[in-house]
Each structure stands twice: as structure tokens, then as C-alpha cells.
Amino acid sequence: MDLTINIIGWIGSALLVIAYWLNSRNKINAQMFSYQFLNIIGSTTLMVNTLYYGAYPSSSVNIIWLVIGFYNMSKILKV
């Protein structure tokens, strides 16, 4: 189980870094579906990882990151 949780965490880390890198290179921006999607999936997977290991401060950040992502995604999709 630990290996699976670690893989999930690494995937989340990679997705958040990819989103940031693409944004920094002006390939995507924060108002795009793809940026918010990467952030939502990345923060969700990191949240799973940090909750599993009891890293509650990091979990809190990822929960907030997730809420922000869903809020912005709803604005993009006009839901």
C-alpha cells in the first residue's frame, strides 16, 4: 500500500510542477481548463498522499488548493 500511495504522491507533485511550468512558459494560463484540471488532479493526489502519512499541514494546503481549483473550474465552465 505504501508504494501505491507514494506513486500517487509523485504523480500529484509532477502534475502541479507541470502546470506551474506550462504557466510560467506562457503555454497555458490560470484561466484555462487544462491548468485548473492539472491543479485539481495534482492537489487531489497529493492530498491522498499527505493524509495517508498524517502530514496534516500539507493536507490542508492541498485541500485549499483543490477548492480554489474547483472554484476556478466552475467559472471557466460557467457552472
Protein backbone atom coordinates (compact mmCIF):
# COMPACT_ATOMS: atom_id res chain seq x y z
CA MET A 1 0.00 0.00 0.00
CA ASP A 2 2.84 2.41 0.81
CA LEU A 3 4.25 2.06 -2.70
CA THR A 4 0.87 2.89 -4.26
CA ILE A 5 0.44 5.95 -2.04
CA ASN A 6 3.97 7.11 -2.87
CA ILE A 7 3.33 6.73 -6.61
CA ILE A 8 0.09 8.70 -6.22
CA GLY A 9 2.02 11.43 -4.40
CA TRP A 10 4.73 11.61 -7.05
CA ILE A 11 2.12 11.85 -9.81
CA GLY A 12 0.44 14.73 -7.96
CA SER A 13 3.76 16.52 -7.49
CA ALA A 14 4.58 16.11 -11.17
CA LEU A 15 1.17 17.44 -12.28
CA LEU A 16 1.47 20.56 -10.12
CA VAL A 17 5.00 21.24 -11.35
CA ILE A 18 3.92 20.70 -14.97
CA ALA A 19 1.02 23.14 -14.52
CA TYR A 20 3.34 25.74 -12.99
CA TRP A 21 6.00 25.21 -15.67
CA LEU A 22 3.50 25.50 -18.53
CA ASN A 23 2.02 28.63 -16.97
CA SER A 24 5.48 30.14 -16.49
CA ARG A 25 6.30 29.43 -20.15
CA ASN A 26 3.01 31.06 -21.27
CA LYS A 27 1.81 27.78 -22.78
CA ILE A 28 -1.29 27.78 -20.60
CA ASN A 29 -2.73 30.28 -18.15
CA ALA A 30 -4.76 30.12 -14.96
CA GLN A 31 -8.00 30.82 -16.80
CA MET A 32 -7.65 27.69 -18.94
CA PHE A 33 -9.37 24.38 -18.31
CA SER A 34 -6.09 22.46 -18.70
CA TYR A 35 -4.34 24.48 -15.97
CA GLN A 36 -7.16 24.03 -13.48
CA PHE A 37 -7.52 20.35 -14.38
CA LEU A 38 -3.81 19.72 -13.69
CA ASN A 39 -4.11 21.57 -10.38
CA ILE A 40 -7.26 19.70 -9.32
CA ILE A 41 -5.85 16.26 -10.10
CA GLY A 42 -2.42 17.15 -8.68
CA SER A 43 -3.79 18.52 -5.42
CA THR A 44 -6.19 15.58 -5.06
CA THR A 45 -3.45 13.01 -5.41
CA LEU A 46 -1.13 14.91 -3.08
CA MET A 47 -3.98 15.22 -0.58
CA VAL A 48 -4.39 11.43 -0.59
CA ASN A 49 -0.65 11.02 -0.03
CA THR A 50 -0.35 13.56 2.77
CA LEU A 51 -3.46 12.35 4.60
CA TYR A 52 -2.20 8.77 4.46
CA TYR A 53 1.08 9.80 6.07
CA GLY A 54 -0.56 12.15 8.57
CA ALA A 55 1.04 15.29 7.14
CA TYR A 56 -1.94 17.44 8.05
CA PRO A 57 -0.45 20.88 7.34
CA SER A 58 0.34 19.74 3.78
CA SER A 59 -3.08 18.12 3.53
CA SER A 60 -4.70 21.42 4.48
CA VAL A 61 -2.80 23.27 1.76
CA ASN A 62 -3.84 20.67 -0.81
CA ILE A 63 -7.48 20.83 0.28
CA ILE A 64 -7.43 24.62 -0.11
CA TRP A 65 -5.66 24.24 -3.48
CA LEU A 66 -8.39 21.80 -4.53
CA VAL A 67 -11.21 24.15 -3.50
CA ILE A 68 -9.59 27.01 -5.41
CA GLY A 69 -9.21 24.76 -8.45
CA PHE A 70 -12.87 23.71 -8.38
CA TYR A 71 -13.99 27.31 -7.90
CA ASN A 72 -11.98 28.48 -10.90
CA MET A 73 -13.02 25.46 -12.96
CA SER A 74 -16.68 26.29 -12.31
CA LYS A 75 -16.06 29.84 -13.55
CA ILE A 76 -14.35 28.51 -16.68
CA LEU A 77 -17.20 26.08 -17.36
CA LYS A 78 -19.78 28.65 -16.19
CA VAL A 79 -21.48 26.11 -13.95
